[in-house]
PDB file of N, CA and C in Angstrom:
ATOM      1  N   MET A   1      75.355  71.027 109.677  1.00  0.00           N
ATOM      2  CA  MET A   1      75.449  72.303 109.008  1.00  0.00           C
ATOM      3  C   MET A   1      76.355  73.254 109.793  1.00  0.00           C
ATOM      4  N   TYR A   2      76.264  73.254 111.101  1.00  0.00           N
ATOM      5  CA  TYR A   2      77.071  74.121 111.941  1.00  0.00           C
ATOM      6  C   TYR A   2      78.564  73.834 111.739  1.00  0.00           C
ATOM      7  N   THR A   3      78.923  72.555 111.672  1.00  0.00           N
ATOM      8  CA  THR A   3      80.315  72.171 111.475  1.00  0.00           C
ATOM      9  C   THR A   3      80.836  72.705 110.152  1.00  0.00           C
ATOM     10  N   PHE A   4      80.043  72.593 109.099  1.00  0.00           N
ATOM     11  CA  PHE A   4      80.439  73.095 107.791  1.00  0.00           C
ATOM     12  C   PHE A   4      80.694  74.603 107.841  1.00  0.00           C
ATOM     13  N   THR A   5      79.851  75.348 108.534  1.00  0.00           N
ATOM     14  CA  THR A   5      80.011  76.795 108.656  1.00  0.00           C
ATOM     15  C   THR A   5      81.301  77.133 109.388  1.00  0.00           C
ATOM     16  N   LYS A   6      81.600  76.387 110.452  1.00  0.00           N
ATOM     17  CA  LYS A   6      82.838  76.628 111.203  1.00  0.00           C
ATOM     18  C   LYS A   6      84.059  76.331 110.336  1.00  0.00           C
ATOM     19  N   ILE A   7      84.016  75.258 109.569  1.00  0.00           N
ATOM     20  CA  ILE A   7      85.133  74.910 108.692  1.00  0.00           C
ATOM     21  C   ILE A   7      85.299  75.973 107.614  1.00  0.00           C
ATOM     22  N   GLU A   8      84.204  76.429 107.041  1.00  0.00           N
ATOM     23  CA  GLU A   8      84.250  77.465 106.017  1.00  0.00           C
ATOM     24  C   GLU A   8      84.861  78.759 106.577  1.00  0.00           C
ATOM     25  N   THR A   9      84.481  79.141 107.769  1.00  0.00           N
ATOM     26  CA  THR A   9      85.021  80.326 108.423  1.00  0.00           C
ATOM     27  C   THR A   9      86.516  80.166 108.670  1.00  0.00           C
ATOM     28  N   TRP A  10      86.934  78.999 109.121  1.00  0.00           N
ATOM     29  CA  TRP A  10      88.342  78.719 109.389  1.00  0.00           C
ATOM     30  C   TRP A  10      89.159  78.796 108.104  1.00  0.00           C
ATOM     31  N   ILE A  11      88.665  78.215 107.017  1.00  0.00           N
ATOM     32  CA  ILE A  11      89.368  78.249 105.736  1.00  0.00           C
ATOM     33  C   ILE A  11      89.477  79.685 105.239  1.00  0.00           C
ATOM     34  N   ASP A  12      88.421  80.457 105.397  1.00  0.00           N
ATOM     35  CA  ASP A  12      88.433  81.849 104.953  1.00  0.00           C
ATOM     36  C   ASP A  12      89.483  82.651 105.701  1.00  0.00           C
ATOM     37  N   ARG A  13      89.698  82.374 106.953  1.00  0.00           N
ATOM     38  CA  ARG A  13      90.715  83.077 107.736  1.00  0.00           C
ATOM     39  C   ARG A  13      92.118  82.700 107.283  1.00  0.00           C
ATOM     40  N   ILE A  14      92.283  81.461 106.867  1.00  0.00           N
ATOM     41  CA  ILE A  14      93.599  80.990 106.458  1.00  0.00           C
ATOM     42  C   ILE A  14      93.968  81.506 105.076  1.00  0.00           C
ATOM     43  N   ASN A  15      93.056  81.437 104.138  1.00  0.00           N
ATOM     44  CA  ASN A  15      93.387  81.737 102.758  1.00  0.00           C
ATOM     45  C   ASN A  15      92.339  82.646 102.133  1.00  0.00           C
ATOM     46  N   ARG A  16      92.746  83.826 101.764  1.00  0.00           N
ATOM     47  CA  ARG A  16      91.836  84.796 101.160  1.00  0.00           C
ATOM     48  C   ARG A  16      92.389  85.244  99.822  1.00  0.00           C
ATOM     49  N   VAL A  17      91.490  85.661  98.956  1.00  0.00           N
ATOM     50  CA  VAL A  17      91.870  86.222  97.670  1.00  0.00           C
ATOM     51  C   VAL A  17      91.358  87.655  97.612  1.00  0.00           C
ATOM     52  N   HIS A  18      92.248  88.574  97.274  1.00  0.00           N
ATOM     53  CA  HIS A  18      91.889  89.981  97.105  1.00  0.00           C
ATOM     54  C   HIS A  18      92.368  90.438  95.737  1.00  0.00           C
ATOM     55  N   THR A  19      91.644  91.378  95.180  1.00  0.00           N
ATOM     56  CA  THR A  19      92.086  92.031  93.954  1.00  0.00           C
ATOM     57  C   THR A  19      92.580  93.416  94.328  1.00  0.00           C
ATOM     58  N   TYR A  20      93.803  93.726  93.899  1.00  0.00           N
ATOM     59  CA  TYR A  20      94.409  95.019  94.176  1.00  0.00           C
ATOM     60  C   TYR A  20      94.594  95.785  92.875  1.00  0.00           C
ATOM     61  N   LYS A  21      94.254  97.052  92.907  1.00  0.00           N
ATOM     62  CA  LYS A  21      94.450  97.942  91.755  1.00  0.00           C
ATOM     63  C   LYS A  21      95.275  99.131  92.237  1.00  0.00           C
ATOM     64  N   ILE A  22      96.441  99.308  91.636  1.00  0.00           N
ATOM     65  CA  ILE A  22      97.382 100.332  92.078  1.00  0.00           C
ATOM     66  C   ILE A  22      97.686 101.273  90.918  1.00  0.00           C
ATOM     67  N   THR A  23      97.549 102.573  91.180  1.00  0.00           N
ATOM     68  CA  THR A  23      97.896 103.610  90.207  1.00  0.00           C
ATOM     69  C   THR A  23      98.978 104.490  90.816  1.00  0.00           C
ATOM     70  N   CYS A  24     100.033 104.718  90.042  1.00  0.00           N
ATOM     71  CA  CYS A  24     101.152 105.524  90.520  1.00  0.00           C
ATOM     72  C   CYS A  24     101.880 106.141  89.333  1.00  0.00           C
ATOM     73  N   PRO A  25     102.791 107.068  89.592  1.00  0.00           N
ATOM     74  CA  PRO A  25     103.581 107.630  88.494  1.00  0.00           C
ATOM     75  C   PRO A  25     104.400 106.524  87.818  1.00  0.00           C
ATOM     76  N   TYR A  26     104.543 106.660  86.505  1.00  0.00           N
ATOM     77  CA  TYR A  26     105.323 105.676  85.758  1.00  0.00           C
ATOM     78  C   TYR A  26     106.796 105.776  86.127  1.00  0.00           C
ATOM     79  N   ARG A  27     107.402 104.629  86.311  1.00  0.00           N
ATOM     80  CA  ARG A  27     108.849 104.498  86.432  1.00  0.00           C
ATOM     81  C   ARG A  27     109.200 103.067  86.036  1.00  0.00           C
ATOM     82  N   GLU A  28     110.398 102.862  85.603  1.00  0.00           N
ATOM     83  CA  GLU A  28     110.822 101.545  85.151  1.00  0.00           C
ATOM     84  C   GLU A  28     110.678 100.513  86.272  1.00  0.00           C
ATOM     85  N   ASN A  29     110.200  99.354  85.930  1.00  0.00           N
ATOM     86  CA  ASN A  29     110.035  98.215  86.856  1.00  0.00           C
ATOM     87  C   ASN A  29     109.088  98.492  88.015  1.00  0.00           C
ATOM     88  N   VAL A  30     108.154  99.403  87.835  1.00  0.00           N
ATOM     89  CA  VAL A  30     107.243  99.749  88.931  1.00  0.00           C
ATOM     90  C   VAL A  30     106.360  98.562  89.315  1.00  0.00           C
ATOM     91  N   PHE A  31     105.887  97.785  88.342  1.00  0.00           N
ATOM     92  CA  PHE A  31     105.035  96.638  88.673  1.00  0.00           C
ATOM     93  C   PHE A  31     105.833  95.578  89.433  1.00  0.00           C
ATOM     94  N   GLU A  32     107.074  95.377  89.045  1.00  0.00           N
ATOM     95  CA  GLU A  32     107.930  94.415  89.745  1.00  0.00           C
ATOM     96  C   GLU A  32     108.165  94.846  91.191  1.00  0.00           C
ATOM     97  N   HIS A  33     108.238  96.155  91.408  1.00  0.00           N
ATOM     98  CA  HIS A  33     108.404  96.692  92.774  1.00  0.00           C
ATOM     99  C   HIS A  33     107.229  96.253  93.663  1.00  0.00           C
ATOM    100  N   PHE A  34     105.996  96.421  93.163  1.00  0.00           N
ATOM    101  CA  PHE A  34     104.837  96.034  93.961  1.00  0.00           C
ATOM    102  C   PHE A  34     104.754  94.518  94.122  1.00  0.00           C
ATOM    103  N   GLU A  35     105.162  93.778  93.109  1.00  0.00           N
ATOM    104  CA  GLU A  35     105.157  92.318  93.207  1.00  0.00           C
ATOM    105  C   GLU A  35     106.166  91.840  94.242  1.00  0.00           C
ATOM    106  N   GLU A  36     107.303  92.509  94.332  1.00  0.00           N
ATOM    107  CA  GLU A  36     108.285  92.158  95.360  1.00  0.00           C
ATOM    108  C   GLU A  36     107.709  92.416  96.753  1.00  0.00           C
ATOM    109  N   MET A  37     106.940  93.488  96.885  1.00  0.00           N
ATOM    110  CA  MET A  37     106.306  93.780  98.172  1.00  0.00           C
ATOM    111  C   MET A  37     105.274  92.707  98.524  1.00  0.00           C
ATOM    112  N   MET A  38     104.531  92.227  97.531  1.00  0.00           N
ATOM    113  CA  MET A  38     103.575  91.140  97.772  1.00  0.00           C
ATOM    114  C   MET A  38     104.308  89.886  98.234  1.00  0.00           C
ATOM    115  N   LYS A  39     105.433  89.591  97.594  1.00  0.00           N
ATOM    116  CA  LYS A  39     106.231  88.426  97.999  1.00  0.00           C
ATOM    117  C   LYS A  39     106.719  88.584  99.441  1.00  0.00           C
ATOM    118  N   GLN A  40     107.158  89.791  99.791  1.00  0.00           N
ATOM    119  CA  GLN A  40     107.631  90.038 101.157  1.00  0.00           C
ATOM    120  C   GLN A  40     106.528  89.805 102.181  1.00  0.00           C
ATOM    121  N   HIS A  41     105.285  89.992 101.758  1.00  0.00           N
ATOM    122  CA  HIS A  41     104.145  89.769 102.651  1.00  0.00           C
ATOM    123  C   HIS A  41     103.535  88.382 102.451  1.00  0.00           C
ATOM    124  N   LYS A  42     104.286  87.507 101.786  1.00  0.00           N
ATOM    125  CA  LYS A  42     103.911  86.095 101.602  1.00  0.00           C
ATOM    126  C   LYS A  42     102.585  85.929 100.866  1.00  0.00           C
ATOM    127  N   LEU A  43     102.324  86.819  99.914  1.00  0.00           N
ATOM    128  CA  LEU A  43     101.135  86.704  99.084  1.00  0.00           C
ATOM    129  C   LEU A  43     101.540  86.111  97.746  1.00  0.00           C
ATOM    130  N   SER A  44     100.779  85.132  97.269  1.00  0.00           N
ATOM    131  CA  SER A  44     100.988  84.656  95.905  1.00  0.00           C
ATOM    132  C   SER A  44     100.036  85.458  95.027  1.00  0.00           C
ATOM    133  N   PHE A  45     100.440  85.746  93.809  1.00  0.00           N
ATOM    134  CA  PHE A  45      99.663  86.675  92.995  1.00  0.00           C
ATOM    135  C   PHE A  45      99.728  86.318  91.521  1.00  0.00           C
ATOM    136  N   LYS A  46      98.778  86.875  90.812  1.00  0.00           N
ATOM    137  CA  LYS A  46      98.736  86.772  89.361  1.00  0.00           C
ATOM    138  C   LYS A  46      98.487  88.182  88.838  1.00  0.00           C
ATOM    139  N   ARG A  47      99.380  88.643  87.965  1.00  0.00           N
ATOM    140  CA  ARG A  47      99.228  89.988  87.409  1.00  0.00           C
ATOM    141  C   ARG A  47      98.131  89.987  86.358  1.00  0.00           C
ATOM    142  N   GLY A  48      97.274  90.983  86.442  1.00  0.00           N
ATOM    143  CA  GLY A  48      96.191  91.132  85.483  1.00  0.00           C
ATOM    144  C   GLY A  48      96.470  92.276  84.531  1.00  0.00           C
ATOM    145  N   ALA A  49      95.441  93.033  84.221  1.00  0.00           N
ATOM    146  CA  ALA A  49      95.543  94.129  83.263  1.00  0.00           C
ATOM    147  C   ALA A  49      96.502  95.212  83.744  1.00  0.00           C
ATOM    148  N   GLN A  50      97.154  95.850  82.785  1.00  0.00           N
ATOM    149  CA  GLN A  50      98.053  96.958  83.046  1.00  0.00           C
ATOM    150  C   GLN A  50      97.759  98.039  82.019  1.00  0.00           C
ATOM    151  N   CYS A  51      97.882  99.278  82.420  1.00  0.00           N
ATOM    152  CA  CYS A  51      97.724 100.346  81.432  1.00  0.00           C
ATOM    153  C   CYS A  51      98.559 101.548  81.848  1.00  0.00           C
ATOM    154  N   ARG A  52      98.851 102.360  80.846  1.00  0.00           N
ATOM    155  CA  ARG A  52      99.604 103.600  81.085  1.00  0.00           C
ATOM    156  C   ARG A  52      98.806 104.743  80.490  1.00  0.00           C
ATOM    157  N   ASP A  53      98.692 105.819  81.251  1.00  0.00           N
ATOM    158  CA  ASP A  53      98.002 107.016  80.794  1.00  0.00           C
ATOM    159  C   ASP A  53      98.924 108.200  81.063  1.00  0.00           C
ATOM    160  N   LYS A  54      99.601 108.653  80.022  1.00  0.00           N
ATOM    161  CA  LYS A  54     100.576 109.740  80.113  1.00  0.00           C
ATOM    162  C   LYS A  54     101.641 109.414  81.150  1.00  0.00           C
ATOM    163  N   GLN A  55     101.593 110.027  82.321  1.00  0.00           N
ATOM    164  CA  GLN A  55     102.646 109.844  83.315  1.00  0.00           C
ATOM    165  C   GLN A  55     102.315 108.838  84.415  1.00  0.00           C
ATOM    166  N   THR A  56     101.133 108.212  84.343  1.00  0.00           N
ATOM    167  CA  THR A  56     100.764 107.241  85.376  1.00  0.00           C
ATOM    168  C   THR A  56     100.542 105.853  84.772  1.00  0.00           C
ATOM    169  N   VAL A  57     100.686 104.857  85.617  1.00  0.00           N
ATOM    170  CA  VAL A  57     100.413 103.472  85.239  1.00  0.00           C
ATOM    171  C   VAL A  57      99.459 102.874  86.261  1.00  0.00           C
ATOM    172  N   THR A  58      98.675 101.910  85.798  1.00  0.00           N
ATOM    173  CA  THR A  58      97.762 101.186  86.678  1.00  0.00           C
ATOM    174  C   THR A  58      97.971  99.703  86.456  1.00  0.00           C
ATOM    175  N   GLY A  59      98.067  98.982  87.540  1.00  0.00           N
ATOM    176  CA  GLY A  59      98.194  97.529  87.477  1.00  0.00           C
ATOM    177  C   GLY A  59      97.159  96.889  88.377  1.00  0.00           C
ATOM    178  N   ILE A  60      96.706  95.704  87.956  1.00  0.00           N
ATOM    179  CA  ILE A  60      95.730  94.942  88.748  1.00  0.00           C
ATOM    180  C   ILE A  60      96.333  93.572  89.034  1.00  0.00           C
ATOM    181  N   TRP A  61      96.203  93.141  90.280  1.00  0.00           N
ATOM    182  CA  TRP A  61      96.692  91.831  90.703  1.00  0.00           C
ATOM    183  C   TRP A  61      95.611  91.113  91.492  1.00  0.00           C
ATOM    184  N   GLU A  62      95.578  89.807  91.336  1.00  0.00           N
ATOM    185  CA  GLU A  62      94.768  88.952  92.192  1.00  0.00           C
ATOM    186  C   GLU A  62      95.752  88.242  93.108  1.00  0.00           C
ATOM    187  N   ALA A  63      95.623  88.489  94.393  1.00  0.00           N
ATOM    188  CA  ALA A  63      96.579  87.959  95.360  1.00  0.00           C
ATOM    189  C   ALA A  63      95.883  87.045  96.356  1.00  0.00           C
ATOM    190  N   GLU A  64      96.585  86.008  96.733  1.00  0.00           N
ATOM    191  CA  GLU A  64      96.053  85.014  97.660  1.00  0.00           C
ATOM    192  C   GLU A  64      96.999  84.885  98.840  1.00  0.00           C
ATOM    193  N   GLY A  65      96.412  84.774 100.033  1.00  0.00           N
ATOM    194  CA  GLY A  65      97.228  84.606 101.218  1.00  0.00           C
ATOM    195  C   GLY A  65      96.395  84.713 102.478  1.00  0.00           C
ATOM    196  N   HIS A  66      97.061  84.623 103.585  1.00  0.00           N
ATOM    197  CA  HIS A  66      96.441  84.692 104.905  1.00  0.00           C
ATOM    198  C   HIS A  66      95.923  86.101 105.159  1.00  0.00           C
ATOM    199  N   LYS A  67      94.850  86.216 105.923  1.00  0.00           N
ATOM    200  CA  LYS A  67      94.232  87.507 106.233  1.00  0.00           C
ATOM    201  C   LYS A  67      95.247  88.495 106.799  1.00  0.00           C
ATOM    202  N   ASN A  68      96.074  88.050 107.717  1.00  0.00           N
ATOM    203  CA  ASN A  68      97.049  88.947 108.338  1.00  0.00           C
ATOM    204  C   ASN A  68      98.051  89.488 107.316  1.00  0.00           C
ATOM    205  N   GLU A  69      98.443  88.644 106.358  1.00  0.00           N
ATOM    206  CA  GLU A  69      99.384  89.082 105.328  1.00  0.00           C
ATOM    207  C   GLU A  69      98.749  90.151 104.441  1.00  0.00           C
ATOM    208  N   HIS A  70      97.472  89.945 104.093  1.00  0.00           N
ATOM    209  CA  HIS A  70      96.753  90.953 103.316  1.00  0.00           C
ATOM    210  C   HIS A  70      96.651  92.257 104.108  1.00  0.00           C
ATOM    211  N   ASP A  71      96.307  92.152 105.375  1.00  0.00           N
ATOM    212  CA  ASP A  71      96.156  93.345 106.213  1.00  0.00           C
ATOM    213  C   ASP A  71      97.450  94.152 106.264  1.00  0.00           C
ATOM    214  N   GLU A  72      98.583  93.469 106.410  1.00  0.00           N
ATOM    215  CA  GLU A  72      99.875  94.148 106.464  1.00  0.00           C
ATOM    216  C   GLU A  72     100.216  94.784 105.121  1.00  0.00           C
ATOM    217  N   PHE A  73      99.936  94.078 104.025  1.00  0.00           N
ATOM    218  CA  PHE A  73     100.196  94.617 102.695  1.00  0.00           C
ATOM    219  C   PHE A  73      99.333  95.857 102.449  1.00  0.00           C
ATOM    220  N   ILE A  74      98.064  95.770 102.790  1.00  0.00           N
ATOM    221  CA  ILE A  74      97.150  96.901 102.610  1.00  0.00           C
ATOM    222  C   ILE A  74      97.642  98.115 103.408  1.00  0.00           C
ATOM    223  N   HIS A  75      98.031  97.892 104.643  1.00  0.00           N
ATOM    224  CA  HIS A  75      98.543  98.983 105.486  1.00  0.00           C
ATOM    225  C   HIS A  75      99.753  99.639 104.816  1.00  0.00           C
ATOM    226  N   LYS A  76     100.656  98.827 104.305  1.00  0.00           N
ATOM    227  CA  LYS A  76     101.854  99.350 103.643  1.00  0.00           C
ATOM    228  C   LYS A  76     101.477 100.188 102.418  1.00  0.00           C
ATOM    229  N   MET A  77     100.536  99.706 101.619  1.00  0.00           N
ATOM    230  CA  MET A  77     100.126 100.411 100.411  1.00  0.00           C
ATOM    231  C   MET A  77      99.417 101.729 100.750  1.00  0.00           C
ATOM    232  N   LEU A  78      98.594 101.712 101.762  1.00  0.00           N
ATOM    233  CA  LEU A  78      97.879 102.928 102.150  1.00  0.00           C
ATOM    234  C   LEU A  78      98.820 104.016 102.658  1.00  0.00           C
ATOM    235  N   ASN A  79      99.988 103.623 103.126  1.00  0.00           N
ATOM    236  CA  ASN A  79     100.960 104.580 103.648  1.00  0.00           C
ATOM    237  C   ASN A  79     102.077 104.911 102.661  1.00  0.00           C
ATOM    238  N   ASP A  80     102.000 104.367 101.464  1.00  0.00           N
ATOM    239  CA  ASP A  80     103.002 104.621 100.431  1.00  0.00           C
ATOM    240  C   ASP A  80     102.642 105.915  99.699  1.00  0.00           C
ATOM    241  N   VAL A  81     103.427 106.958  99.886  1.00  0.00           N
ATOM    242  CA  VAL A  81     103.108 108.269  99.311  1.00  0.00           C
ATOM    243  C   VAL A  81     103.285 108.321  97.797  1.00  0.00           C
ATOM    244  N   THR A  82     103.942 107.319  97.205  1.00  0.00           N
ATOM    245  CA  THR A  82     104.112 107.309  95.750  1.00  0.00           C
ATOM    246  C   THR A  82     102.875 106.784  95.031  1.00  0.00           C
ATOM    247  N   ILE A  83     101.949 106.170  95.753  1.00  0.00           N
ATOM    248  CA  ILE A  83     100.755 105.612  95.153  1.00  0.00           C
ATOM    249  C   ILE A  83      99.691 106.700  95.073  1.00  0.00           C
ATOM    250  N   GLU A  84      99.166 106.908  93.877  1.00  0.00           N
ATOM    251  CA  GLU A  84      98.109 107.911  93.683  1.00  0.00           C
ATOM    252  C   GLU A  84      96.740 107.359  94.010  1.00  0.00           C
ATOM    253  N   ARG A  85      96.530 106.078  93.713  1.00  0.00           N
ATOM    254  CA  ARG A  85      95.233 105.447  93.966  1.00  0.00           C
ATOM    255  C   ARG A  85      95.470 103.968  94.269  1.00  0.00           C
ATOM    256  N   PHE A  86      94.802 103.499  95.326  1.00  0.00           N
ATOM    257  CA  PHE A  86      94.931 102.090  95.737  1.00  0.00           C
ATOM    258  C   PHE A  86      93.538 101.558  96.016  1.00  0.00           C
ATOM    259  N   GLU A  87      93.132 100.546  95.290  1.00  0.00           N
ATOM    260  CA  GLU A  87      91.819  99.926  95.486  1.00  0.00           C
ATOM    261  C   GLU A  87      92.015  98.470  95.890  1.00  0.00           C
ATOM    262  N   PHE A  88      91.190  98.035  96.829  1.00  0.00           N
ATOM    263  CA  PHE A  88      91.248  96.643  97.287  1.00  0.00           C
ATOM    264  C   PHE A  88      89.884  96.166  97.700  1.00  0.00           C
TER     265      PHE A  88
END
């Protein structure tokens, strides 16, 4: 049982899945902009629901990658002044 727990912990460190929800002012190709940033951080992703409410848009992505890549992406998003709301 101990070996299984260690293997599970190791796999979790290597490959994680996070759901990201980003709300920002609408502009052309805004979702592609965030997807390019995910690619730069070596995250593979699947785009989920999208919506627009007057001047803002919200997109949801399920992203998979190494813990460090997620951490770097999250840091970048938290420091992006164009993002109105970021959930992870």
